[in-house]
Amino acid sequence: MTLRKNIISQFSALSPELQRAAEFSLQNANQLVVLSMRAFAAEAGVRPATLLRLAQRLGFRGWSELKDACIDDIGLRSDTYVSRAEKLIAKNAPPALYDEVFNAHQANLAFTQAENKQEMQQAVTLLDQAENVYICGFRASFPVAWSLYYVYRLFNRNASLIDGLASNIELFTRELTADDCVLLTGFAPYSRESLSVLNAAKQAGSRIIAVTDSPVSPLAQAADCTLLFSVDSPSFFPSVVSGMGLAECLLAMLVARHGREAVAKIENAERYLIDSGAYILPDKS
C-alpha cells in the first residue's frame, strides 16, 4: 500500500491533531521529502512529536521511514539513467526491445487518455479565460512545451513561451498577473527553472496548469488543474510520447471551442507561411 493510500484509509480514525498533520503531509509531499521533521512540523503548524506519532500510527518505526515511503511514492528513488542504460544493454535483444518500446507507448497513451477527460475540459476553460498564456517546460520537457506553443500561436497571439534563452525567465515572470494562466510541463527529476516559474506564478496569483507525471509532483501541488501523463519506458530515459499526446489533444479542443474564429486565424497564418516561402509545397506538375 502506498503512503497516500495508507493515510487516506486511516484518516477517519486519527485524532484531530494527527488529521491536520496527515492532511498537510498529503498536500505538501514535495516539502516532506526535503525538509527535516522539525522544519516540516513548523510548516504544518504542529509539534515534531505529532509527526512522530503520525508515522508510528501509520505503521512506521519513525519519521525517516515515513519520509522514505513518500520518496518512493513520488518516484524520486528511481534508477539513475546510467543504471537503466546498463540494464538496457544487458538485455541485448533488439527485436524484442523494438516491440517493448512501442508497447510502452501504447500503455502510456491508454493511461493518459483514461486519466484526464474531465481535467482536459477544465484546462481548456482556464486557457480560454486567460488574458495571456505563458507556456514553459525545460530540458526533456521542452518538446512538449514547444509543440504546444508553436501550434497555439497559429490561432492565439497572446501565447508566450518561457524558454530560458539567455536566462530570460524574469523577462516573462515579471509580467504575470492574476488574469494570466501559466502552463508548466515537467516530470521527475523536476527542473529548477520550472519551480522558479511556478513560484512566480503563485505570487502573482496566476492560474496554473500542470502537465506532469504525478499528482504529488511539485507542479501538481500548486496547480489549479493537473493533466497527468505516464513516462514509463523500457529505454534508459523517461518517455514524453503521452505528454505530446496531451498537448495535441488540448490544442484540438481549443480550436473546436473557438470554431470559425480559430479557423480564420489558422487560415491567415497558413497563408503567410506559404506566401513567405517558409512552407515548401510539393510540386504537382
Protein backbone atom coordinates (compact mmCIF):
# COMPACT_ATOMS: atom_id res chain seq x y z
CA MET A 1 0.00 0.00 0.00
CA THR A 2 1.34 3.45 -0.89
CA LEU A 3 1.77 6.10 1.79
CA ARG A 4 -1.06 8.13 0.26
CA LYS A 5 -3.50 5.21 0.41
CA ASN A 6 -2.31 4.38 3.93
CA ILE A 7 -3.09 7.88 5.17
CA ILE A 8 -6.47 8.01 3.43
CA SER A 9 -7.53 4.59 4.76
CA GLN A 10 -6.74 5.53 8.37
CA PHE A 11 -7.62 9.23 8.27
CA SER A 12 -11.06 8.99 9.91
CA ALA A 13 -9.62 7.12 12.90
CA LEU A 14 -6.93 9.73 13.62
CA SER A 15 -7.20 12.41 16.29
CA PRO A 16 -7.88 15.98 15.05
CA GLU A 17 -4.22 16.93 15.56
CA LEU A 18 -2.98 13.89 13.64
CA GLN A 19 -5.55 14.55 10.92
CA ARG A 20 -4.16 18.05 10.48
CA ALA A 21 -0.63 16.67 10.18
CA ALA A 22 -1.78 13.93 7.80
CA GLU A 23 -3.71 16.32 5.55
CA PHE A 24 -0.75 18.70 5.37
CA SER A 25 1.53 15.77 4.51
CA LEU A 26 -0.75 14.71 1.64
CA GLN A 27 -0.90 18.22 0.23
CA ASN A 28 2.80 19.01 0.63
CA ALA A 29 4.63 15.79 -0.24
CA ASN A 30 7.29 17.73 -2.14
CA GLN A 31 8.22 19.61 1.06
CA LEU A 32 8.01 16.49 3.20
CA VAL A 33 10.80 14.76 1.27
CA VAL A 34 13.28 17.66 1.53
CA LEU A 35 12.63 19.23 4.94
CA SER A 36 13.69 17.96 8.35
CA MET A 37 10.96 16.74 10.68
CA ARG A 38 11.29 19.91 12.79
CA ALA A 39 11.11 22.22 9.76
CA PHE A 40 8.16 20.34 8.26
CA ALA A 41 6.34 20.45 11.61
CA ALA A 42 6.78 24.23 11.68
CA GLU A 43 5.30 24.48 8.18
CA ALA A 44 2.38 22.27 9.20
CA GLY A 45 1.75 24.19 12.42
CA VAL A 46 2.15 21.10 14.63
CA ARG A 47 4.80 19.82 17.05
CA PRO A 48 7.56 17.48 15.82
CA ALA A 49 6.24 14.90 18.28
CA THR A 50 2.94 14.95 16.38
CA LEU A 51 4.69 13.92 13.17
CA LEU A 52 6.46 11.12 15.01
CA ARG A 53 3.15 9.86 16.42
CA LEU A 54 1.59 10.08 12.95
CA ALA A 55 4.39 7.97 11.46
CA GLN A 56 4.02 5.35 14.18
CA ARG A 57 0.23 5.32 13.88
CA LEU A 58 0.64 4.60 10.15
CA GLY A 59 2.85 1.62 10.91
CA PHE A 60 6.32 3.15 10.53
CA ARG A 61 9.07 2.99 13.13
CA GLY A 62 9.77 6.69 12.80
CA TRP A 63 9.57 9.81 10.66
CA SER A 64 12.54 8.90 8.49
CA GLU A 65 10.82 5.66 7.47
CA LEU A 66 7.66 7.57 6.55
CA LYS A 67 9.78 10.00 4.52
CA ASP A 68 11.35 7.07 2.67
CA ALA A 69 7.88 5.81 1.78
CA CYS A 70 6.95 9.26 0.48
CA ILE A 71 10.11 9.37 -1.66
CA ASP A 72 9.14 6.01 -3.14
CA ASP A 73 5.59 7.26 -3.84
CA ILE A 74 6.83 10.29 -5.74
CA GLY A 75 9.32 8.20 -7.67
CA LEU A 76 12.45 10.07 -6.62
CA ARG A 77 14.29 6.83 -5.85
CA SER A 78 14.08 5.69 -9.45
CA ASP A 79 17.04 4.07 -11.12
CA THR A 80 19.58 6.51 -12.49
CA TYR A 81 19.85 6.97 -16.24
CA VAL A 82 23.19 5.17 -16.15
CA SER A 83 21.87 2.11 -14.31
CA ARG A 84 18.88 1.89 -16.65
CA ALA A 85 21.18 2.17 -19.64
CA GLU A 86 23.28 -0.66 -18.25
CA LYS A 87 20.16 -2.84 -17.90
CA LEU A 88 19.16 -1.91 -21.45
CA ILE A 89 22.50 -3.07 -22.82
CA ALA A 90 22.33 -6.27 -20.75
CA LYS A 91 19.08 -7.27 -22.46
CA ASN A 92 20.90 -7.40 -25.79
CA ALA A 93 17.68 -8.25 -27.66
CA PRO A 94 16.96 -5.55 -30.28
CA PRO A 95 13.95 -7.29 -31.92
CA ALA A 96 12.18 -7.71 -28.58
CA LEU A 97 13.13 -4.21 -27.46
CA TYR A 98 11.57 -2.72 -30.59
CA ASP A 99 8.15 -4.14 -29.68
CA GLU A 100 8.65 -3.38 -25.99
CA VAL A 101 9.20 0.33 -26.67
CA PHE A 102 6.08 0.69 -28.78
CA ASN A 103 4.02 -1.37 -26.33
CA ALA A 104 5.10 1.05 -23.60
CA HIS A 105 3.98 3.99 -25.75
CA GLN A 106 0.56 2.40 -26.18
CA ALA A 107 0.21 1.71 -22.45
CA ASN A 108 1.25 5.27 -21.60
CA LEU A 109 -1.28 6.73 -24.02
CA ALA A 110 -4.05 4.48 -22.69
CA PHE A 111 -3.32 5.59 -19.12
CA THR A 112 -3.20 9.25 -20.14
CA GLN A 113 -6.46 9.00 -22.07
CA ALA A 114 -8.28 7.43 -19.11
CA GLU A 115 -6.86 9.85 -16.56
CA ASN A 116 -7.60 13.30 -17.98
CA LYS A 117 -11.04 13.58 -19.60
CA GLN A 118 -12.59 15.94 -17.03
CA GLU A 119 -9.36 17.79 -16.31
CA MET A 120 -8.84 18.45 -20.03
CA GLN A 121 -12.11 20.38 -20.19
CA GLN A 122 -11.02 22.41 -17.16
CA ALA A 123 -7.64 23.17 -18.75
CA VAL A 124 -9.32 24.38 -21.95
CA THR A 125 -11.52 26.73 -19.92
CA LEU A 126 -8.60 28.14 -17.91
CA LEU A 127 -6.59 28.83 -21.08
CA ASP A 128 -9.62 30.30 -22.81
CA GLN A 129 -10.35 32.71 -19.96
CA ALA A 130 -6.76 33.94 -19.55
CA GLU A 131 -5.68 37.35 -20.78
CA ASN A 132 -2.23 35.96 -21.54
CA VAL A 133 -0.97 32.37 -21.62
CA TYR A 134 2.61 31.52 -20.66
CA ILE A 135 3.93 28.06 -21.51
CA CYS A 136 7.13 26.55 -20.18
CA GLY A 137 8.98 23.26 -19.98
CA PHE A 138 12.71 22.85 -19.63
CA ARG A 139 15.25 20.21 -20.60
CA ALA A 140 13.50 16.96 -21.56
CA SER A 141 10.07 18.58 -21.10
CA PHE A 142 10.85 21.31 -23.64
CA PRO A 143 9.50 19.38 -26.70
CA VAL A 144 6.03 19.23 -25.11
CA ALA A 145 6.06 22.95 -24.27
CA TRP A 146 7.46 24.00 -27.65
CA SER A 147 4.95 21.92 -29.64
CA LEU A 148 2.07 23.36 -27.63
CA TYR A 149 3.33 26.92 -28.04
CA TYR A 150 4.14 26.63 -31.77
CA VAL A 151 0.68 25.40 -32.74
CA TYR A 152 -1.19 27.56 -30.20
CA ARG A 153 0.37 30.70 -31.73
CA LEU A 154 -1.32 29.87 -35.03
CA PHE A 155 -4.63 31.00 -33.54
CA ASN A 156 -3.75 32.83 -30.29
CA ARG A 157 -1.28 35.72 -30.36
CA ASN A 158 -1.43 36.08 -26.58
CA ALA A 159 0.60 32.89 -26.00
CA SER A 160 4.23 33.20 -24.93
CA LEU A 161 6.95 30.58 -24.47
CA ILE A 162 9.19 30.91 -21.41
CA ASP A 163 12.24 29.19 -22.85
CA GLY A 164 15.02 30.36 -20.54
CA LEU A 165 17.06 31.62 -23.50
CA ALA A 166 19.90 33.82 -22.19
CA SER A 167 18.46 33.32 -18.68
CA ASN A 168 15.42 35.40 -19.67
CA ILE A 169 12.90 33.83 -17.28
CA GLU A 170 12.40 37.07 -15.33
CA LEU A 171 11.52 38.84 -18.58
CA PHE A 172 8.26 36.90 -18.53
CA THR A 173 7.62 36.28 -14.83
CA ARG A 174 7.77 39.99 -14.03
CA GLU A 175 4.71 40.45 -16.29
CA LEU A 176 2.50 37.81 -14.65
CA THR A 177 -0.86 38.91 -13.24
CA ALA A 178 -3.92 37.26 -11.75
CA ASP A 179 -5.58 37.45 -15.19
CA ASP A 180 -2.95 35.20 -16.77
CA CYS A 181 -2.54 31.44 -16.99
CA VAL A 182 0.78 29.61 -16.74
CA LEU A 183 1.08 26.11 -18.18
CA LEU A 184 4.10 24.19 -16.90
CA THR A 185 5.19 20.76 -18.04
CA GLY A 186 7.72 18.61 -16.24
CA PHE A 187 8.48 15.20 -14.78
CA ALA A 188 10.88 13.83 -12.15
CA PRO A 189 13.55 14.98 -11.60
CA TYR A 190 11.91 18.40 -11.81
CA SER A 191 13.93 21.30 -13.19
CA ARG A 192 14.96 24.22 -11.04
CA GLU A 193 13.71 26.66 -13.69
CA SER A 194 10.18 25.21 -13.67
CA LEU A 195 9.96 25.61 -9.91
CA SER A 196 11.15 29.21 -10.25
CA VAL A 197 8.38 29.97 -12.76
CA LEU A 198 5.90 28.12 -10.55
CA ASN A 199 6.74 30.27 -7.53
CA ALA A 200 6.44 33.46 -9.58
CA ALA A 201 3.03 32.38 -10.88
CA LYS A 202 1.82 31.63 -7.34
CA GLN A 203 2.99 35.02 -6.10
CA ALA A 204 1.25 36.80 -8.98
CA GLY A 205 -1.98 34.89 -8.41
CA SER A 206 -1.94 33.48 -11.96
CA ARG A 207 -3.92 30.35 -12.73
CA ILE A 208 -1.64 27.33 -13.08
CA ILE A 209 -1.98 24.25 -15.29
CA ALA A 210 0.47 21.42 -14.62
CA VAL A 211 1.23 18.82 -17.28
CA THR A 212 3.19 16.38 -15.18
CA ASP A 213 3.89 12.78 -14.21
CA SER A 214 2.46 12.57 -10.68
CA PRO A 215 -0.43 14.03 -8.65
CA VAL A 216 2.08 14.77 -5.89
CA SER A 217 4.72 16.41 -8.11
CA PRO A 218 5.67 19.95 -7.01
CA LEU A 219 3.95 21.28 -10.14
CA ALA A 220 0.69 19.46 -9.37
CA GLN A 221 0.76 20.52 -5.71
CA ALA A 222 0.35 24.19 -6.71
CA ALA A 223 -1.81 23.76 -9.82
CA ASP A 224 -5.43 24.78 -10.36
CA CYS A 225 -5.63 21.97 -12.92
CA THR A 226 -3.38 18.96 -13.43
CA LEU A 227 -3.04 16.85 -16.56
CA LEU A 228 -1.18 13.62 -15.86
CA PHE A 229 0.92 11.62 -18.31
CA SER A 230 2.89 8.43 -17.88
CA VAL A 231 6.63 8.43 -18.57
CA ASP A 232 7.24 4.66 -18.34
CA SER A 233 9.75 3.35 -20.84
CA PRO A 234 11.95 0.29 -21.31
CA SER A 235 14.63 2.70 -22.51
CA PHE A 236 17.03 4.49 -20.14
CA PHE A 237 15.16 7.82 -20.37
CA PRO A 238 11.54 8.68 -19.48
CA SER A 239 9.08 8.81 -22.37
CA VAL A 240 7.33 12.06 -23.39
CA VAL A 241 5.06 10.47 -26.01
CA SER A 242 1.90 10.72 -23.90
CA GLY A 243 2.85 14.26 -22.86
CA MET A 244 2.89 15.19 -26.54
CA GLY A 245 -0.48 13.47 -26.86
CA LEU A 246 -1.91 15.70 -24.14
CA ALA A 247 -0.58 18.79 -25.91
CA GLU A 248 -2.16 17.75 -29.22
CA CYS A 249 -5.50 16.97 -27.58
CA LEU A 250 -5.50 20.29 -25.73
CA LEU A 251 -4.86 22.21 -28.97
CA ALA A 252 -7.57 20.32 -30.85
CA MET A 253 -10.13 21.06 -28.15
CA LEU A 254 -9.20 24.74 -28.06
CA VAL A 255 -9.73 25.05 -31.82
CA ALA A 256 -13.02 23.15 -31.60
CA ARG A 257 -14.25 25.53 -28.89
CA HIS A 258 -13.45 28.66 -30.94
CA GLY A 259 -14.92 27.32 -34.16
CA ARG A 260 -14.82 29.55 -37.26
CA GLU A 261 -12.87 32.30 -35.47
CA ALA A 262 -9.98 29.93 -34.83
CA VAL A 263 -10.18 28.53 -38.36
CA ALA A 264 -9.90 32.04 -39.84
CA LYS A 265 -6.79 32.78 -37.77
CA ILE A 266 -5.21 29.48 -38.75
CA GLU A 267 -6.01 30.20 -42.41
CA ASN A 268 -4.26 33.58 -42.21
CA ALA A 269 -1.20 32.08 -40.53
CA GLU A 270 -1.01 29.22 -43.01
CA ARG A 271 -1.33 31.58 -45.99
CA TYR A 272 1.52 33.72 -44.69
CA LEU A 273 3.77 30.70 -44.14
CA ILE A 274 3.16 29.56 -47.71
CA ASP A 275 3.46 33.01 -49.32
CA SER A 276 6.65 33.80 -47.41
CA GLY A 277 8.27 30.58 -48.56
CA ALA A 278 8.53 29.19 -45.04
CA TYR A 279 6.47 26.20 -46.19
CA ILE A 280 7.54 24.49 -49.40
CA LEU A 281 4.61 22.82 -51.11
CA PRO A 282 5.16 19.71 -53.26
CA ASP A 283 5.38 20.30 -56.99
CA LYS A 284 2.17 18.95 -58.55
CA SER A 285 3.36 19.25 -62.14
